[in-house]
């Protein structure tokens, strides 16, 4: 494995510990907002081993946000069954 491949592999490890590996969190500099095109923007920050790499937005259409809302609702309600593609497209 080359050095570049090793770096890429290390950079793609996800963890819940903010001081280890790559972590993507909601950014603390603002909440949800609408873009000029009317889409929904969720600010996120990306960190690696506890150091901020950068910030960006997860931009979703209304339908994508509704589908995410449905999936989060099922997860929070304790549903262990993942949504099917048909359920996601209905949301």
N, C-alpha and C. Protein backbone atom coordinates (compact mmCIF):
# COMPACT_ATOMS: atom_id res chain seq x y z
N UNK A 1 0.85 -1.18 0.00
CA UNK A 1 0.00 0.00 0.00
C UNK A 1 0.90 1.24 0.00
N UNK A 2 0.59 2.18 -0.87
CA UNK A 2 1.39 3.40 -0.96
C UNK A 2 1.06 4.34 0.19
N UNK A 3 1.90 5.33 0.38
CA UNK A 3 1.67 6.33 1.43
C UNK A 3 0.36 7.06 1.19
N UNK A 4 0.08 7.41 -0.07
CA UNK A 4 -1.18 8.09 -0.40
C UNK A 4 -2.38 7.23 -0.06
N UNK A 5 -2.33 5.95 -0.37
CA UNK A 5 -3.42 5.05 -0.03
C UNK A 5 -3.60 4.94 1.48
N UNK A 6 -2.49 4.90 2.21
CA UNK A 6 -2.57 4.84 3.68
C UNK A 6 -3.22 6.10 4.23
N UNK A 7 -2.87 7.26 3.69
CA UNK A 7 -3.47 8.52 4.16
C UNK A 7 -4.96 8.56 3.87
N UNK A 8 -5.34 8.12 2.66
CA UNK A 8 -6.76 8.10 2.32
C UNK A 8 -7.51 7.16 3.24
N UNK A 9 -6.94 6.01 3.52
CA UNK A 9 -7.61 5.04 4.39
C UNK A 9 -7.78 5.61 5.80
N UNK A 10 -6.75 6.26 6.32
CA UNK A 10 -6.85 6.87 7.64
C UNK A 10 -7.89 7.98 7.66
N UNK A 11 -7.95 8.75 6.59
CA UNK A 11 -8.87 9.90 6.53
C UNK A 11 -10.33 9.48 6.41
N UNK A 12 -10.59 8.25 6.02
CA UNK A 12 -11.98 7.83 5.84
C UNK A 12 -12.54 7.08 7.03
N UNK A 13 -11.76 6.84 8.06
CA UNK A 13 -12.28 6.15 9.24
C UNK A 13 -13.18 7.09 10.03
N UNK A 14 -14.37 6.63 10.33
CA UNK A 14 -15.33 7.42 11.09
C UNK A 14 -15.35 6.92 12.53
N UNK A 15 -15.54 7.83 13.47
CA UNK A 15 -15.58 7.46 14.88
C UNK A 15 -16.48 8.44 15.63
N UNK A 16 -17.01 7.99 16.76
CA UNK A 16 -17.81 8.86 17.61
C UNK A 16 -16.93 9.71 18.53
N UNK A 17 -15.69 9.34 18.67
CA UNK A 17 -14.76 10.09 19.52
C UNK A 17 -14.21 11.26 18.72
N UNK A 18 -14.49 12.51 19.15
CA UNK A 18 -14.07 13.67 18.36
C UNK A 18 -12.56 13.84 18.24
N UNK A 19 -11.80 13.17 19.07
CA UNK A 19 -10.34 13.32 19.00
C UNK A 19 -9.67 12.19 18.23
N UNK A 20 -10.46 11.29 17.63
CA UNK A 20 -9.88 10.19 16.87
C UNK A 20 -10.57 10.05 15.52
N UNK A 21 -9.80 10.07 14.47
CA UNK A 21 -10.35 9.83 13.15
C UNK A 21 -11.16 11.00 12.61
N UNK A 22 -11.91 10.71 11.58
CA UNK A 22 -12.72 11.72 10.89
C UNK A 22 -14.10 11.79 11.55
N UNK A 23 -14.59 13.01 11.73
CA UNK A 23 -15.90 13.21 12.34
C UNK A 23 -16.62 14.34 11.61
N UNK A 24 -17.89 14.13 11.33
CA UNK A 24 -18.73 15.15 10.70
C UNK A 24 -19.85 15.48 11.68
N UNK A 25 -19.94 16.75 12.05
CA UNK A 25 -20.92 17.21 13.03
C UNK A 25 -21.69 18.40 12.48
N UNK A 26 -22.81 18.69 13.14
CA UNK A 26 -23.49 19.95 12.82
C UNK A 26 -22.58 21.08 13.24
N UNK A 27 -22.47 22.08 12.38
CA UNK A 27 -21.63 23.24 12.69
C UNK A 27 -22.30 24.06 13.78
N UNK A 28 -21.50 24.69 14.59
CA UNK A 28 -22.03 25.48 15.70
C UNK A 28 -22.29 26.93 15.31
N UNK A 29 -21.97 27.30 14.06
CA UNK A 29 -22.08 28.71 13.66
C UNK A 29 -23.42 29.07 13.04
N UNK A 30 -24.40 28.21 13.15
CA UNK A 30 -25.70 28.57 12.60
C UNK A 30 -26.60 27.36 12.47
N UNK A 31 -27.86 27.62 12.31
CA UNK A 31 -28.83 26.55 12.18
C UNK A 31 -29.25 26.33 10.75
N UNK A 32 -30.30 25.58 10.60
CA UNK A 32 -30.85 25.33 9.26
C UNK A 32 -31.24 26.65 8.62
N UNK A 33 -31.11 26.71 7.31
CA UNK A 33 -31.51 27.92 6.59
C UNK A 33 -31.95 27.54 5.18
N UNK A 34 -32.58 28.47 4.51
CA UNK A 34 -32.99 28.28 3.12
C UNK A 34 -31.94 28.91 2.21
N UNK A 35 -31.64 28.24 1.12
CA UNK A 35 -30.74 28.81 0.12
C UNK A 35 -31.54 29.76 -0.77
N UNK A 36 -30.84 30.47 -1.63
CA UNK A 36 -31.53 31.37 -2.56
C UNK A 36 -32.44 30.59 -3.49
N UNK A 37 -32.12 29.34 -3.73
CA UNK A 37 -32.94 28.49 -4.62
C UNK A 37 -34.09 27.83 -3.85
N UNK A 38 -34.20 28.12 -2.55
CA UNK A 38 -35.29 27.57 -1.76
C UNK A 38 -35.01 26.20 -1.17
N UNK A 39 -33.79 25.73 -1.29
CA UNK A 39 -33.44 24.43 -0.70
C UNK A 39 -33.07 24.61 0.76
N UNK A 40 -32.96 23.52 1.47
CA UNK A 40 -32.65 23.55 2.89
C UNK A 40 -31.17 23.25 3.07
N UNK A 41 -30.48 24.10 3.82
CA UNK A 41 -29.05 23.93 4.05
C UNK A 41 -28.80 23.64 5.52
N UNK A 42 -28.10 22.54 5.78
CA UNK A 42 -27.72 22.14 7.13
C UNK A 42 -26.21 22.31 7.25
N UNK A 43 -25.74 23.29 8.05
CA UNK A 43 -24.31 23.52 8.17
C UNK A 43 -23.62 22.37 8.91
N UNK A 44 -22.50 21.91 8.35
CA UNK A 44 -21.74 20.80 8.93
C UNK A 44 -20.27 21.21 9.06
N UNK A 45 -19.59 20.58 10.00
CA UNK A 45 -18.14 20.77 10.12
C UNK A 45 -17.48 19.40 10.02
N UNK A 46 -16.28 19.38 9.47
CA UNK A 46 -15.53 18.14 9.31
C UNK A 46 -14.24 18.29 10.10
N UNK A 47 -13.98 17.30 10.95
CA UNK A 47 -12.77 17.31 11.75
C UNK A 47 -11.99 16.01 11.58
N UNK A 48 -10.71 16.08 11.84
CA UNK A 48 -9.86 14.90 11.79
C UNK A 48 -8.95 14.93 13.01
N UNK A 49 -9.05 13.91 13.83
CA UNK A 49 -8.25 13.80 15.05
C UNK A 49 -8.36 15.05 15.93
N UNK A 50 -9.58 15.58 16.04
CA UNK A 50 -9.85 16.71 16.91
C UNK A 50 -9.56 18.07 16.31
N UNK A 51 -9.10 18.12 15.06
CA UNK A 51 -8.78 19.39 14.41
C UNK A 51 -9.78 19.66 13.30
N UNK A 52 -10.30 20.88 13.27
CA UNK A 52 -11.26 21.26 12.23
C UNK A 52 -10.58 21.28 10.88
N UNK A 53 -11.17 20.57 9.92
CA UNK A 53 -10.66 20.58 8.55
C UNK A 53 -11.39 21.62 7.73
N UNK A 54 -12.71 21.69 7.91
CA UNK A 54 -13.48 22.67 7.16
C UNK A 54 -14.96 22.58 7.49
N UNK A 55 -15.71 23.47 6.89
CA UNK A 55 -17.15 23.51 7.08
C UNK A 55 -17.83 23.57 5.73
N UNK A 56 -19.04 23.09 5.69
CA UNK A 56 -19.82 23.12 4.46
C UNK A 56 -21.27 22.85 4.79
N UNK A 57 -22.10 22.90 3.78
CA UNK A 57 -23.53 22.68 3.97
C UNK A 57 -23.97 21.38 3.30
N UNK A 58 -24.86 20.67 3.96
CA UNK A 58 -25.60 19.59 3.32
C UNK A 58 -26.84 20.27 2.78
N UNK A 59 -26.96 20.36 1.46
CA UNK A 59 -28.08 21.05 0.82
C UNK A 59 -29.06 20.00 0.32
N UNK A 60 -30.33 20.16 0.71
CA UNK A 60 -31.36 19.19 0.37
C UNK A 60 -32.56 19.89 -0.26
N UNK A 61 -33.20 19.17 -1.16
CA UNK A 61 -34.48 19.65 -1.67
C UNK A 61 -35.52 19.41 -0.58
N UNK A 62 -36.71 19.95 -0.79
CA UNK A 62 -37.80 19.73 0.16
C UNK A 62 -38.06 18.23 0.32
N UNK A 63 -38.14 17.51 -0.80
CA UNK A 63 -38.42 16.07 -0.75
C UNK A 63 -37.32 15.30 -0.01
N UNK A 64 -36.07 15.68 -0.23
CA UNK A 64 -34.97 15.01 0.48
C UNK A 64 -35.04 15.27 1.98
N UNK A 65 -35.39 16.51 2.35
CA UNK A 65 -35.52 16.84 3.77
C UNK A 65 -36.69 16.08 4.41
N UNK A 66 -37.79 15.94 3.68
CA UNK A 66 -38.94 15.18 4.19
C UNK A 66 -38.55 13.71 4.40
N UNK A 67 -37.81 13.14 3.45
CA UNK A 67 -37.37 11.75 3.57
C UNK A 67 -36.44 11.59 4.77
N UNK A 68 -35.52 12.53 4.97
CA UNK A 68 -34.61 12.49 6.12
C UNK A 68 -35.41 12.60 7.41
N UNK A 69 -36.38 13.49 7.44
CA UNK A 69 -37.23 13.65 8.61
C UNK A 69 -37.92 12.33 8.96
N UNK A 70 -38.46 11.65 7.95
CA UNK A 70 -39.11 10.36 8.18
C UNK A 70 -38.16 9.31 8.72
N UNK A 71 -36.96 9.25 8.16
CA UNK A 71 -35.99 8.27 8.64
C UNK A 71 -35.55 8.57 10.07
N UNK A 72 -35.34 9.84 10.37
CA UNK A 72 -34.97 10.21 11.75
C UNK A 72 -36.10 9.89 12.72
N UNK A 73 -37.33 10.15 12.30
CA UNK A 73 -38.49 9.84 13.14
C UNK A 73 -38.57 8.36 13.47
N UNK A 74 -38.36 7.51 12.45
CA UNK A 74 -38.37 6.06 12.69
C UNK A 74 -37.25 5.65 13.62
N UNK A 75 -36.08 6.23 13.43
CA UNK A 75 -34.94 5.90 14.29
C UNK A 75 -35.21 6.33 15.73
N UNK A 76 -35.73 7.52 15.91
CA UNK A 76 -36.01 8.03 17.26
C UNK A 76 -37.14 7.26 17.94
N UNK A 77 -38.06 6.73 17.15
CA UNK A 77 -39.17 5.96 17.71
C UNK A 77 -38.73 4.54 18.07
N UNK A 78 -37.50 4.19 17.73
CA UNK A 78 -36.98 2.89 18.10
C UNK A 78 -37.21 1.81 17.07
N UNK A 79 -37.63 2.18 15.89
CA UNK A 79 -37.84 1.20 14.83
C UNK A 79 -36.49 0.63 14.42
N UNK A 80 -36.41 -0.68 14.43
CA UNK A 80 -35.17 -1.33 14.05
C UNK A 80 -35.13 -1.67 12.56
N UNK A 81 -36.26 -1.51 11.90
CA UNK A 81 -36.32 -1.86 10.49
C UNK A 81 -35.98 -0.64 9.65
N UNK A 82 -34.97 -0.74 8.80
CA UNK A 82 -34.67 0.40 7.94
C UNK A 82 -35.77 0.61 6.92
N UNK A 83 -35.91 1.83 6.48
CA UNK A 83 -36.93 2.15 5.47
C UNK A 83 -36.57 1.50 4.15
N UNK A 84 -37.59 1.05 3.44
CA UNK A 84 -37.38 0.52 2.10
C UNK A 84 -37.30 1.68 1.12
N UNK A 85 -36.83 1.42 -0.08
CA UNK A 85 -36.75 2.49 -1.10
C UNK A 85 -38.14 3.04 -1.39
N UNK A 86 -39.16 2.18 -1.36
CA UNK A 86 -40.53 2.63 -1.63
C UNK A 86 -41.01 3.57 -0.53
N UNK A 87 -40.69 3.28 0.73
CA UNK A 87 -41.09 4.15 1.83
C UNK A 87 -40.40 5.49 1.74
N UNK A 88 -39.13 5.49 1.37
CA UNK A 88 -38.38 6.73 1.24
C UNK A 88 -38.95 7.58 0.12
N UNK A 89 -39.30 6.96 -1.03
CA UNK A 89 -39.82 7.72 -2.14
C UNK A 89 -41.24 8.25 -1.88
N UNK A 90 -41.98 7.60 -0.97
CA UNK A 90 -43.31 8.06 -0.62
C UNK A 90 -43.27 9.27 0.28
N UNK A 91 -42.18 9.42 1.05
CA UNK A 91 -42.09 10.51 2.03
C UNK A 91 -42.01 11.86 1.37
